[in-house]
C-alpha atoms as a PDB file:
ATOM      1  CA  MET A   1      93.414  85.209 112.715  1.00  0.00           C
ATOM      2  CA  GLY A   2      90.303  86.541 114.430  1.00  0.00           C
ATOM      3  CA  ASP A   3      87.387  86.870 112.043  1.00  0.00           C
ATOM      4  CA  THR A   4      89.404  86.185 108.921  1.00  0.00           C
ATOM      5  CA  ASN A   5      87.456  83.781 106.737  1.00  0.00           C
ATOM      6  CA  TYR A   6      89.281  81.347 104.479  1.00  0.00           C
ATOM      7  CA  SER A   7      86.130  79.653 103.193  1.00  0.00           C
ATOM      8  CA  SER A   8      84.448  80.200  99.847  1.00  0.00           C
ATOM      9  CA  VAL A   9      82.715  83.532 100.346  1.00  0.00           C
ATOM     10  CA  SER A  10      79.882  84.917  98.228  1.00  0.00           C
ATOM     11  CA  GLY A  11      77.534  87.872  98.503  1.00  0.00           C
ATOM     12  CA  ASP A  12      78.272  91.486  97.578  1.00  0.00           C
ATOM     13  CA  TYR A  13      81.868  90.575  96.763  1.00  0.00           C
ATOM     14  CA  GLY A  14      81.042  87.254  95.104  1.00  0.00           C
ATOM     15  CA  ALA A  15      81.772  85.910  91.646  1.00  0.00           C
ATOM     16  CA  GLU A  16      78.999  87.847  89.924  1.00  0.00           C
ATOM     17  CA  SER A  17      80.713  91.156  89.251  1.00  0.00           C
ATOM     18  CA  GLY A  18      83.902  93.105  88.668  1.00  0.00           C
ATOM     19  CA  ALA A  19      87.209  91.497  89.550  1.00  0.00           C
ATOM     20  CA  TRP A  20      85.337  88.473  90.934  1.00  0.00           C
ATOM     21  CA  LYS A  21      83.293  87.600  87.848  1.00  0.00           C
ATOM     22  CA  GLY A  22      83.767  83.916  87.151  1.00  0.00           C
ATOM     23  CA  PHE A  23      86.131  83.431  90.084  1.00  0.00           C
ATOM     24  CA  PRO A  24      85.749  79.849  91.437  1.00  0.00           C
ATOM     25  CA  LEU A  25      84.086  80.398  94.801  1.00  0.00           C
ATOM     26  CA  GLY A  26      82.441  76.990  94.972  1.00  0.00           C
ATOM     27  CA  SER A  27      82.838  74.348  97.649  1.00  0.00           C
ATOM     28  CA  SER A  28      85.918  72.680  96.168  1.00  0.00           C
ATOM     29  CA  THR A  29      88.861  73.228  98.503  1.00  0.00           C
ATOM     30  CA  SER A  30      91.277  72.596  95.640  1.00  0.00           C
ATOM     31  CA  SER A  31      89.978  75.343  93.348  1.00  0.00           C
ATOM     32  CA  ALA A  32      91.008  78.554  95.114  1.00  0.00           C
ATOM     33  CA  MET A  33      92.195  80.257  98.283  1.00  0.00           C
ATOM     34  CA  VAL A  34      89.846  83.053  99.385  1.00  0.00           C
ATOM     35  CA  ALA A  35      90.438  85.187 102.479  1.00  0.00           C
ATOM     36  CA  THR A  36      88.165  87.944 103.789  1.00  0.00           C
ATOM     37  CA  TYR A  37      89.184  90.496 106.417  1.00  0.00           C
ATOM     38  CA  ASP A  38      86.225  92.326 107.986  1.00  0.00           C
ATOM     39  CA  PHE A  39      88.218  93.962 110.814  1.00  0.00           C
ATOM     40  CA  ILE A  40      85.550  93.259 113.387  1.00  0.00           C
ATOM     41  CA  ASN A  41      87.954  92.951 116.294  1.00  0.00           C
ATOM     42  CA  ALA A  42      91.572  93.509 117.223  1.00  0.00           C
ATOM     43  CA  ALA A  43      92.506  89.858 116.645  1.00  0.00           C
ATOM     44  CA  GLU A  44      92.381  90.478 112.889  1.00  0.00           C
ATOM     45  CA  LEU A  45      95.340  92.853 113.137  1.00  0.00           C
ATOM     46  CA  ASP A  46      98.075  90.680 114.604  1.00  0.00           C
ATOM     47  CA  LEU A  47     101.115  92.962 114.319  1.00  0.00           C
ATOM     48  CA  SER A  48     103.363  90.374 115.964  1.00  0.00           C
ATOM     49  CA  ASN A  49     102.669  87.556 113.513  1.00  0.00           C
ATOM     50  CA  ASP A  50     100.682  88.357 110.378  1.00  0.00           C
ATOM     51  CA  TRP A  51     100.886  92.076 109.630  1.00  0.00           C
ATOM     52  CA  VAL A  52     103.879  94.431 109.628  1.00  0.00           C
ATOM     53  CA  ALA A  53     103.177  98.140 110.222  1.00  0.00           C
ATOM     54  CA  THR A  54     105.924 100.666 109.495  1.00  0.00           C
ATOM     55  CA  ASP A  55     105.745 104.308 110.586  1.00  0.00           C
ATOM     56  CA  VAL A  56     106.918 106.893 108.051  1.00  0.00           C
ATOM     57  CA  GLY A  57     108.499 110.175 109.122  1.00  0.00           C
ATOM     58  CA  THR A  58     108.348 111.244 112.751  1.00  0.00           C
ATOM     59  CA  MET A  59     105.013 109.727 113.739  1.00  0.00           C
ATOM     60  CA  THR A  60     103.883 110.494 117.281  1.00  0.00           C
ATOM     61  CA  LEU A  61     100.610 108.557 117.318  1.00  0.00           C
ATOM     62  CA  ASP A  62     100.712 105.230 119.124  1.00  0.00           C
ATOM     63  CA  PRO A  63      99.021 103.236 117.851  1.00  0.00           C
ATOM     64  CA  SER A  64      98.838 104.685 114.349  1.00  0.00           C
ATOM     65  CA  VAL A  65      97.433 101.470 112.842  1.00  0.00           C
ATOM     66  CA  PHE A  66      94.495  99.900 114.684  1.00  0.00           C
ATOM     67  CA  ILE A  67      91.028  98.378 114.508  1.00  0.00           C
ATOM     68  CA  SER A  68      88.150 100.782 115.209  1.00  0.00           C
ATOM     69  CA  ASN A  69      84.666  99.690 116.222  1.00  0.00           C
ATOM     70  CA  ASP A  70      83.232 103.186 115.741  1.00  0.00           C
ATOM     71  CA  THR A  71      81.926 102.092 112.334  1.00  0.00           C
ATOM     72  CA  PRO A  72      79.381  99.233 112.152  1.00  0.00           C
ATOM     73  CA  GLY A  73      81.273  96.088 111.137  1.00  0.00           C
ATOM     74  CA  GLY A  74      84.628  97.496 112.218  1.00  0.00           C
ATOM     75  CA  ASN A  75      87.383  99.334 110.336  1.00  0.00           C
ATOM     76  CA  LEU A  76      91.115  99.048 109.829  1.00  0.00           C
ATOM     77  CA  VAL A  77      92.511 102.562 110.404  1.00  0.00           C
ATOM     78  CA  LEU A  78      95.822 103.972 109.190  1.00  0.00           C
ATOM     79  CA  ASP A  79      96.025 107.255 111.092  1.00  0.00           C
ATOM     80  CA  SER A  80      98.582 110.072 111.149  1.00  0.00           C
ATOM     81  CA  ASP A  81      99.556 113.114 113.134  1.00  0.00           C
ATOM     82  CA  ALA A  82      99.388 116.571 111.542  1.00  0.00           C
ATOM     83  CA  THR A  83     102.892 116.581 110.057  1.00  0.00           C
ATOM     84  CA  ASP A  84     103.784 116.650 106.364  1.00  0.00           C
ATOM     85  CA  GLY A  85     105.613 113.414 105.528  1.00  0.00           C
ATOM     86  CA  ASP A  86     104.207 111.394 108.418  1.00  0.00           C
ATOM     87  CA  GLY A  87     102.113 108.264 107.972  1.00  0.00           C
ATOM     88  CA  ASN A  88     102.477 104.524 107.725  1.00  0.00           C
ATOM     89  CA  HIS A  89     102.367 101.479 105.515  1.00  0.00           C
ATOM     90  CA  LEU A  90     101.049  98.037 106.339  1.00  0.00           C
ATOM     91  CA  GLN A  91     101.693  94.634 104.759  1.00  0.00           C
ATOM     92  CA  MET A  92     100.155  91.207 105.364  1.00  0.00           C
ATOM     93  CA  THR A  93     103.458  89.372 105.280  1.00  0.00           C
ATOM     94  CA  THR A  94     103.228  86.068 107.060  1.00  0.00           C
ATOM     95  CA  ILE A  95      99.877  84.283 107.399  1.00  0.00           C
ATOM     96  CA  GLY A  96     101.454  82.071 110.029  1.00  0.00           C
ATOM     97  CA  GLY A  97     104.829  82.020 108.307  1.00  0.00           C
ATOM     98  CA  ALA A  98     103.903  81.759 104.613  1.00  0.00           C
ATOM     99  CA  GLY A  99     105.449  85.118 103.715  1.00  0.00           C
ATOM    100  CA  GLU A 100     104.547  86.664 100.355  1.00  0.00           C
ATOM    101  CA  TYR A 101     101.776  84.340  99.277  1.00  0.00           C
ATOM    102  CA  LEU A 102     100.214  85.838  96.132  1.00  0.00           C
ATOM    103  CA  LEU A 103     102.155  84.586  93.103  1.00  0.00           C
ATOM    104  CA  PRO A 104     100.994  85.306  89.535  1.00  0.00           C
ATOM    105  CA  ALA A 105     101.434  82.225  87.356  1.00  0.00           C
ATOM    106  CA  SER A 106     100.328  80.846  84.012  1.00  0.00           C
ATOM    107  CA  GLY A 107      96.675  79.817  84.214  1.00  0.00           C
ATOM    108  CA  ARG A 108      96.209  81.449  87.626  1.00  0.00           C
ATOM    109  CA  THR A 109      93.809  84.257  88.598  1.00  0.00           C
ATOM    110  CA  ILE A 110      94.296  86.597  91.542  1.00  0.00           C
ATOM    111  CA  SER A 111      91.391  88.876  92.532  1.00  0.00           C
ATOM    112  CA  LEU A 112      91.212  91.411  95.321  1.00  0.00           C
ATOM    113  CA  VAL A 113      88.959  94.191  96.546  1.00  0.00           C
ATOM    114  CA  PHE A 114      89.430  96.939  99.125  1.00  0.00           C
ATOM    115  CA  ARG A 115      86.256  98.617 100.436  1.00  0.00           C
ATOM    116  CA  MET A 116      87.840 101.797 101.686  1.00  0.00           C
ATOM    117  CA  THR A 117      87.775 105.536 102.113  1.00  0.00           C
ATOM    118  CA  HIS A 118      90.153 108.343 103.040  1.00  0.00           C
ATOM    119  CA  GLU A 119      89.560 111.520 105.006  1.00  0.00           C
ATOM    120  CA  ASP A 120      91.355 113.385 102.196  1.00  0.00           C
ATOM    121  CA  TRP A 121      91.609 111.492  98.906  1.00  0.00           C
ATOM    122  CA  SER A 122      93.076 114.515  97.093  1.00  0.00           C
ATOM    123  CA  ALA A 123      95.791 116.035  99.269  1.00  0.00           C
ATOM    124  CA  GLN A 124      97.510 112.948 100.670  1.00  0.00           C
ATOM    125  CA  HIS A 125      99.704 110.093  99.419  1.00  0.00           C
ATOM    126  CA  TRP A 126      98.203 106.593  99.416  1.00  0.00           C
ATOM    127  CA  PHE A 127      98.417 103.122  97.863  1.00  0.00           C
ATOM    128  CA  VAL A 128      96.294  99.964  98.030  1.00  0.00           C
ATOM    129  CA  GLY A 129      97.128  96.728  96.246  1.00  0.00           C
ATOM    130  CA  ILE A 130      99.785  94.042  96.496  1.00  0.00           C
ATOM    131  CA  GLY A 131     103.557  94.250  96.425  1.00  0.00           C
ATOM    132  CA  GLU A 132     106.784  92.676  97.541  1.00  0.00           C
ATOM    133  CA  THR A 133     107.644  93.171 101.196  1.00  0.00           C
ATOM    134  CA  SER A 134     109.570  96.330 102.014  1.00  0.00           C
ATOM    135  CA  THR A 135     110.072  98.346 105.194  1.00  0.00           C
ATOM    136  CA  THR A 136     110.509 101.411 102.936  1.00  0.00           C
ATOM    137  CA  PHE A 137     107.515 100.752 100.660  1.00  0.00           C
ATOM    138  CA  MET A 138     106.412 104.434 100.681  1.00  0.00           C
ATOM    139  CA  ASP A 139     108.603 107.315 101.833  1.00  0.00           C
ATOM    140  CA  ALA A 140     107.763 110.704 103.348  1.00  0.00           C
ATOM    141  CA  ALA A 141     107.452 112.269  99.879  1.00  0.00           C
ATOM    142  CA  GLY A 142     104.832 109.699  98.862  1.00  0.00           C
ATOM    143  CA  ASP A 143     107.160 107.866  96.495  1.00  0.00           C
ATOM    144  CA  ILE A 144     107.200 104.067  96.251  1.00  0.00           C
ATOM    145  CA  ALA A 145     110.507 102.266  96.657  1.00  0.00           C
ATOM    146  CA  ALA A 146     112.408 101.115  93.588  1.00  0.00           C
ATOM    147  CA  SER A 147     113.128  97.455  92.833  1.00  0.00           C
ATOM    148  CA  LEU A 148     109.686  96.179  93.834  1.00  0.00           C
ATOM    149  CA  GLU A 149     107.117  94.191  91.908  1.00  0.00           C
ATOM    150  CA  LEU A 150     103.628  95.520  92.663  1.00  0.00           C
ATOM    151  CA  VAL A 151     100.185  96.359  91.330  1.00  0.00           C
ATOM    152  CA  GLY A 152      97.595  98.698  92.792  1.00  0.00           C
ATOM    153  CA  PHE A 153      95.944 102.101  92.971  1.00  0.00           C
ATOM    154  CA  PHE A 154      98.386 104.916  93.758  1.00  0.00           C
ATOM    155  CA  HIS A 155      98.035 108.621  94.512  1.00  0.00           C
ATOM    156  CA  ASN A 156     100.797 111.133  95.236  1.00  0.00           C
ATOM    157  CA  GLY A 157      99.203 114.262  96.687  1.00  0.00           C
ATOM    158  CA  ASP A 158     101.991 116.489  95.343  1.00  0.00           C
ATOM    159  CA  ASP A 159     102.111 115.250  91.760  1.00  0.00           C
ATOM    160  CA  HIS A 160      98.866 113.559  90.733  1.00  0.00           C
ATOM    161  CA  THR A 161      95.439 114.859  89.731  1.00  0.00           C
ATOM    162  CA  ASP A 162      93.531 115.579  92.925  1.00  0.00           C
ATOM    163  CA  GLY A 163      91.952 112.424  94.299  1.00  0.00           C
ATOM    164  CA  VAL A 164      92.078 110.435  91.035  1.00  0.00           C
ATOM    165  CA  PRO A 165      93.775 107.046  91.574  1.00  0.00           C
ATOM    166  CA  ARG A 166      96.582 106.099  89.208  1.00  0.00           C
ATOM    167  CA  LEU A 167      96.698 102.554  87.882  1.00  0.00           C
ATOM    168  CA  TYR A 168     100.163 101.412  88.859  1.00  0.00           C
ATOM    169  CA  ALA A 169     102.208  98.266  88.287  1.00  0.00           C
ATOM    170  CA  ALA A 170     105.760  96.956  88.053  1.00  0.00           C
ATOM    171  CA  GLY A 171     106.777  93.536  86.778  1.00  0.00           C
ATOM    172  CA  ALA A 172     110.042  91.644  86.966  1.00  0.00           C
ATOM    173  CA  ASN A 173     112.136  94.532  85.621  1.00  0.00           C
ATOM    174  CA  ASN A 174     110.826  96.702  88.524  1.00  0.00           C
ATOM    175  CA  THR A 175     110.010  99.530  86.099  1.00  0.00           C
ATOM    176  CA  LYS A 176     106.936 101.346  87.405  1.00  0.00           C
ATOM    177  CA  VAL A 177     104.185 101.654  84.784  1.00  0.00           C
ATOM    178  CA  THR A 178     101.267 104.089  85.024  1.00  0.00           C
ATOM    179  CA  VAL A 179      98.475 102.692  82.860  1.00  0.00           C
ATOM    180  CA  THR A 180      96.299 105.129  80.916  1.00  0.00           C
ATOM    181  CA  PRO A 181      92.709 104.562  82.084  1.00  0.00           C
ATOM    182  CA  SER A 182      90.152 103.341  79.570  1.00  0.00           C
ATOM    183  CA  HIS A 183      87.540 104.978  81.778  1.00  0.00           C
ATOM    184  CA  THR A 184      89.002 107.656  84.036  1.00  0.00           C
ATOM    185  CA  PRO A 185      87.749 107.113  87.584  1.00  0.00           C
ATOM    186  CA  ALA A 186      86.237 110.077  89.385  1.00  0.00           C
ATOM    187  CA  ALA A 187      88.119 111.638  92.258  1.00  0.00           C
ATOM    188  CA  GLY A 188      87.240 110.144  95.610  1.00  0.00           C
ATOM    189  CA  THR A 189      84.779 111.913  97.859  1.00  0.00           C
ATOM    190  CA  ASP A 190      86.254 112.371 101.341  1.00  0.00           C
ATOM    191  CA  ASP A 191      84.882 109.929 103.929  1.00  0.00           C
ATOM    192  CA  THR A 192      82.874 108.096 101.252  1.00  0.00           C
ATOM    193  CA  TYR A 193      83.585 104.422 100.626  1.00  0.00           C
ATOM    194  CA  ARG A 194      84.417 102.957  97.253  1.00  0.00           C
ATOM    195  CA  ASN A 195      85.467  99.510  96.083  1.00  0.00           C
ATOM    196  CA  MET A 196      88.976  99.424  94.614  1.00  0.00           C
ATOM    197  CA  SER A 197      89.494  96.098  92.860  1.00  0.00           C
ATOM    198  CA  ILE A 198      92.196  94.369  90.818  1.00  0.00           C
ATOM    199  CA  ARG A 199      92.286  91.158  88.804  1.00  0.00           C
ATOM    200  CA  ILE A 200      95.535  89.538  87.624  1.00  0.00           C
ATOM    201  CA  GLU A 201      95.431  86.745  85.062  1.00  0.00           C
ATOM    202  CA  ASP A 202      98.474  84.651  84.184  1.00  0.00           C
ATOM    203  CA  THR A 203     101.749  86.509  84.849  1.00  0.00           C
ATOM    204  CA  ASP A 204     101.075  89.713  82.932  1.00  0.00           C
ATOM    205  CA  LYS A 205      97.403  90.655  82.450  1.00  0.00           C
ATOM    206  CA  ILE A 206      95.910  93.212  84.860  1.00  0.00           C
ATOM    207  CA  THR A 207      92.460  94.805  85.089  1.00  0.00           C
ATOM    208  CA  TRP A 208      91.611  97.605  87.536  1.00  0.00           C
ATOM    209  CA  TYR A 209      88.027  98.321  88.685  1.00  0.00           C
ATOM    210  CA  VAL A 210      86.427 101.101  90.733  1.00  0.00           C
ATOM    211  CA  ASP A 211      83.005 100.140  92.101  1.00  0.00           C
ATOM    212  CA  ASP A 212      82.976  97.144  89.726  1.00  0.00           C
ATOM    213  CA  VAL A 213      83.497  99.340  86.635  1.00  0.00           C
ATOM    214  CA  VAL A 214      86.591  98.601  84.538  1.00  0.00           C
ATOM    215  CA  VAL A 215      88.849 101.648  84.573  1.00  0.00           C
ATOM    216  CA  GLY A 216      91.914 100.186  82.873  1.00  0.00           C
ATOM    217  CA  THR A 217      93.715  97.122  81.571  1.00  0.00           C
ATOM    218  CA  THR A 218      97.266  96.282  80.572  1.00  0.00           C
ATOM    219  CA  THR A 219      99.555  93.435  79.595  1.00  0.00           C
ATOM    220  CA  LEU A 220     102.932  93.930  81.236  1.00  0.00           C
ATOM    221  CA  ALA A 221     105.950  93.975  78.942  1.00  0.00           C
ATOM    222  CA  SER A 222     107.912  92.486  81.835  1.00  0.00           C
ATOM    223  CA  PRO A 223     105.676  89.850  83.500  1.00  0.00           C
ATOM    224  CA  PHE A 224     105.531  89.305  87.239  1.00  0.00           C
ATOM    225  CA  SER A 225     108.074  86.822  88.578  1.00  0.00           C
ATOM    226  CA  SER A 226     107.855  87.301  92.361  1.00  0.00           C
ATOM    227  CA  ALA A 227     105.317  86.571  95.064  1.00  0.00           C
ATOM    228  CA  MET A 228     103.604  89.559  96.707  1.00  0.00           C
ATOM    229  CA  CYS A 229     101.351  90.375  99.663  1.00  0.00           C
ATOM    230  CA  LEU A 230      98.534  92.770 100.595  1.00  0.00           C
ATOM    231  CA  THR A 231      99.984  96.280 100.869  1.00  0.00           C
ATOM    232  CA  ILE A 232      98.412  99.523 102.131  1.00  0.00           C
ATOM    233  CA  ALA A 233     100.010 102.948 102.602  1.00  0.00           C
ATOM    234  CA  SER A 234      98.854 106.389 103.749  1.00  0.00           C
ATOM    235  CA  VAL A 235     101.310 109.284 104.182  1.00  0.00           C
ATOM    236  CA  MET A 236     100.508 112.967 104.693  1.00  0.00           C
ATOM    237  CA  ALA A 237     101.383 115.430 101.930  1.00  0.00           C
ATOM    238  CA  THR A 238     100.116 118.335 104.042  1.00  0.00           C
ATOM    239  CA  ALA A 239     100.384 119.252 107.711  1.00  0.00           C
ATOM    240  CA  VAL A 240      97.006 117.684 108.471  1.00  0.00           C
ATOM    241  CA  GLY A 241      96.381 114.401 110.251  1.00  0.00           C
ATOM    242  CA  ASP A 242      94.082 112.410 107.970  1.00  0.00           C
ATOM    243  CA  ALA A 243      93.185 108.729 108.217  1.00  0.00           C
ATOM    244  CA  MET A 244      92.582 105.945 105.720  1.00  0.00           C
ATOM    245  CA  ASN A 245      89.735 103.613 106.710  1.00  0.00           C
ATOM    246  CA  ILE A 246      89.335 100.107 105.290  1.00  0.00           C
ATOM    247  CA  ASP A 247      86.093  98.284 106.002  1.00  0.00           C
ATOM    248  CA  LEU A 248      86.864  95.064 104.130  1.00  0.00           C
ATOM    249  CA  ILE A 249      89.587  93.337 102.136  1.00  0.00           C
ATOM    250  CA  LYS A 250      88.900  90.211 100.150  1.00  0.00           C
ATOM    251  CA  VAL A 251      91.621  88.385  98.226  1.00  0.00           C
ATOM    252  CA  GLY A 252      91.483  85.191  96.190  1.00  0.00           C
ATOM    253  CA  GLN A 253      94.023  83.115  94.266  1.00  0.00           C
ATOM    254  CA  THR A 254      93.297  80.070  92.141  1.00  0.00           C
ATOM    255  CA  ARG A 255      95.499  77.053  92.709  1.00  0.00           C
END
């Protein structure tokens, strides 16, 4: 797993703020699973075992998903050629064979953060969060497949307010819900990083954060019933080849 860290991690993404406030990051191995992906080297993107990358459209770039060392600390890059409808989605599906490993449950907390940016937050389609595995998670029109449980930040470059992430979720009935923000997040600034965070409590309570500020909450009418995994998508809505860059992902789940 390369530089993936399954220990109890603190620091900038510790228990003191946002989705991680109060999360049990102590030394007890029975309290929580915490994994951090810094994307320092290529070993952290094992496309034959742990991650599944799926090209969307008629992608010509090879590779289109890779680790870049051009940025200090390394970056996961989802890149695209300059064709409308081309892009990719990526899921952490196995962890050595465990499959979908994030399962909301009564009394359980799941927290995650993506430190990320996009070369064009406004014009393109993108998603970060967790969801059930699907080789058709996002299509060329930037739409997410039906019949999936998921939660994340979603933007369709054709239909949504430029660059403003939508708070998106679907529980056991697979009905996609767009949650009205309590504090509308600003549009992303191209090539500028922001922290996109989510906290799930029990099987139905979700809080979304941007840079540790709460932007929305909901209680699902149809609670989660299925396990999910880390899910990332970036598909072009214009004939421009833009990339999504992810510097860090941290995910935790209480036992």
